Amino acid sequence: MAFFRHIAVAAVLAAIAMPAMAAEQLTVYRSPSCGCCLGWVKYLKVKGFDATVETSDDMGAVKARLHVPGDMQSCHTAVIAGYVVEGHVPVEAIVKLLAERPAVTGIAAPGMPQGSPGMSGAKEHFEVYSFGPSGVAPFMAF
């Protein structure tokens, strides 16, 4: 039941935040050798985000500069409206982040969950976490 409540909240937030998304520039940092990152960027653009891509041969330095905890890391890192978005995070979580504006550094889908946006394979259950100076906490489940 909680899962459906999260989906309903995300749908409402998406409708409210859609105009705000178009105004927000999203910058995605990725390794030049990673293809799934481009799949996630394509997904974002289809969903209405204005995304630009910057490649880096040192993603570890990018993640360190943006304060992404080691256990929250994935293959690409994005920045939108002062927040960090790490990994294959679904649009619903980004919309919720922008609508609620919590006091966190960002959100992350750690690792590379199969079937998540930009990833191939059958969809598996995964969590998106918030992270920041107060630590890591569950943000949304997919």
Protein backbone atom coordinates (compact mmCIF):
# COMPACT_ATOMS: atom_id res chain seq x y z
CA MET A 1 0.00 0.00 0.00
CA ALA A 2 2.87 2.38 0.82
CA PHE A 3 4.27 1.74 -2.66
CA PHE A 4 1.06 2.97 -4.30
CA ARG A 5 0.96 5.98 -1.99
CA HIS A 6 4.52 6.89 -3.11
CA ILE A 7 3.50 6.56 -6.77
CA ALA A 8 0.40 8.73 -6.23
CA VAL A 9 2.45 11.40 -4.45
CA ALA A 10 5.05 11.31 -7.23
CA ALA A 11 2.32 11.75 -9.88
CA VAL A 12 0.88 14.78 -8.10
CA LEU A 13 4.33 16.27 -7.57
CA ALA A 14 5.18 15.67 -11.23
CA ALA A 15 2.10 17.60 -12.34
CA ILE A 16 2.93 20.47 -10.00
CA ALA A 17 6.65 20.58 -10.74
CA MET A 18 6.59 20.04 -14.53
CA PRO A 19 6.89 23.77 -15.32
CA ALA A 20 9.74 24.11 -12.81
CA MET A 21 11.64 21.22 -14.43
CA ALA A 22 11.77 22.92 -17.80
CA ALA A 23 13.36 25.97 -16.18
CA GLU A 24 16.05 23.94 -14.41
CA GLN A 25 19.28 23.08 -16.23
CA LEU A 26 20.63 19.62 -15.44
CA THR A 27 24.32 18.91 -16.03
CA VAL A 28 25.35 15.25 -16.24
CA TYR A 29 28.97 14.23 -15.63
CA ARG A 30 29.96 10.88 -17.12
CA SER A 31 32.94 8.83 -18.12
CA PRO A 32 33.51 8.85 -21.90
CA SER A 33 33.51 5.04 -21.85
CA CYS A 34 30.06 4.58 -20.24
CA GLY A 35 27.09 4.01 -22.54
CA CYS A 36 24.30 3.61 -20.01
CA CYS A 37 24.79 7.22 -18.91
CA LEU A 38 23.69 8.37 -22.35
CA GLY A 39 20.61 6.17 -22.00
CA TRP A 40 19.72 7.98 -18.78
CA VAL A 41 20.26 11.38 -20.43
CA LYS A 42 17.99 10.37 -23.33
CA TYR A 43 15.35 9.26 -20.79
CA LEU A 44 15.59 12.67 -19.02
CA LYS A 45 15.19 14.58 -22.28
CA VAL A 46 12.14 12.52 -23.25
CA LYS A 47 10.67 13.41 -19.84
CA GLY A 48 11.18 17.13 -20.47
CA PHE A 49 14.47 17.89 -18.73
CA ASP A 50 17.05 20.22 -20.29
CA ALA A 51 20.16 18.06 -19.85
CA THR A 52 23.71 18.73 -20.98
CA VAL A 53 26.57 16.25 -20.73
CA GLU A 54 30.15 16.82 -19.66
CA THR A 55 32.65 13.97 -19.89
CA SER A 56 35.36 13.40 -17.32
CA ASP A 57 38.21 10.91 -17.19
CA ASP A 58 38.22 11.29 -13.40
CA MET A 59 34.70 10.67 -12.13
CA GLY A 60 36.12 9.96 -8.67
CA ALA A 61 37.21 13.59 -8.46
CA VAL A 62 33.77 14.78 -9.65
CA LYS A 63 32.02 12.68 -6.99
CA ALA A 64 34.44 13.86 -4.28
CA ARG A 65 33.92 17.52 -5.24
CA LEU A 66 30.14 17.03 -5.08
CA HIS A 67 30.29 15.09 -1.77
CA VAL A 68 28.76 11.83 -3.03
CA PRO A 69 29.32 9.16 -0.33
CA GLY A 70 31.19 6.06 -1.50
CA ASP A 71 28.28 3.71 -0.80
CA MET A 72 25.90 5.92 -2.82
CA GLN A 73 27.98 6.08 -6.00
CA SER A 74 26.97 4.95 -9.46
CA CYS A 75 28.37 5.54 -12.94
CA HIS A 76 27.26 9.14 -13.55
CA THR A 77 26.60 12.22 -11.46
CA ALA A 78 24.27 15.10 -12.26
CA VAL A 79 23.61 18.51 -10.76
CA ILE A 80 20.27 20.33 -10.86
CA ALA A 81 19.14 23.36 -8.87
CA GLY A 82 22.07 22.96 -6.47
CA TYR A 83 21.31 19.27 -5.79
CA VAL A 84 23.35 16.23 -6.78
CA VAL A 85 21.56 13.36 -8.54
CA GLU A 86 23.70 10.23 -8.53
CA GLY A 87 23.07 7.30 -10.83
CA HIS A 88 19.97 5.98 -12.59
CA VAL A 89 17.45 7.99 -10.57
CA PRO A 90 13.91 8.01 -12.01
CA VAL A 91 12.32 11.34 -12.94
CA GLU A 92 9.68 10.93 -10.22
CA ALA A 93 12.41 11.18 -7.55
CA ILE A 94 13.97 14.24 -9.19
CA VAL A 95 10.57 15.93 -9.39
CA LYS A 96 9.94 15.16 -5.71
CA LEU A 97 13.39 16.57 -4.82
CA LEU A 98 12.70 19.80 -6.71
CA ALA A 99 9.19 20.17 -5.30
CA GLU A 100 10.08 19.51 -1.67
CA ARG A 101 13.57 21.13 -1.64
CA PRO A 102 14.82 19.16 1.39
CA ALA A 103 17.99 20.15 3.26
CA VAL A 104 20.15 17.45 1.65
CA THR A 105 23.13 17.38 -0.70
CA GLY A 106 21.30 15.16 -3.16
CA ILE A 107 19.70 11.84 -4.01
CA ALA A 108 21.18 8.61 -5.32
CA ALA A 109 20.27 5.27 -6.86
CA PRO A 110 23.43 3.41 -5.78
CA GLY A 111 25.04 0.95 -8.14
CA MET A 112 23.41 0.23 -11.46
CA PRO A 113 19.96 -1.28 -10.79
CA GLN A 114 18.81 -3.51 -13.62
CA GLY A 115 15.83 -2.06 -15.49
CA SER A 116 16.21 1.40 -13.97
CA PRO A 117 16.11 4.40 -16.36
CA GLY A 118 18.95 3.99 -18.84
CA MET A 119 19.71 0.40 -17.78
CA SER A 120 18.72 -2.69 -19.70
CA GLY A 121 17.22 -5.85 -18.31
CA ALA A 122 14.16 -6.78 -16.31
CA LYS A 123 13.25 -4.13 -13.76
CA GLU A 124 14.35 -4.97 -10.24
CA HIS A 125 13.20 -3.27 -7.06
CA PHE A 126 15.58 -0.50 -5.99
CA GLU A 127 15.75 2.40 -3.56
CA VAL A 128 16.65 6.03 -4.06
CA TYR A 129 18.32 7.58 -1.02
CA SER A 130 18.89 11.15 0.07
CA PHE A 131 22.33 12.03 1.38
CA GLY A 132 24.00 14.98 3.01
CA PRO A 133 25.64 16.20 6.20
CA SER A 134 22.97 14.44 8.30
CA GLY A 135 23.72 11.09 6.65
CA VAL A 136 21.82 8.79 4.29
CA ALA A 137 18.06 8.14 4.41
CA PRO A 138 15.50 6.37 2.20
CA PHE A 139 13.87 8.83 -0.25
CA MET A 140 11.74 6.73 -2.64
CA ALA A 141 11.35 3.09 -3.65
CA PHE A 142 10.86 1.82 -7.19
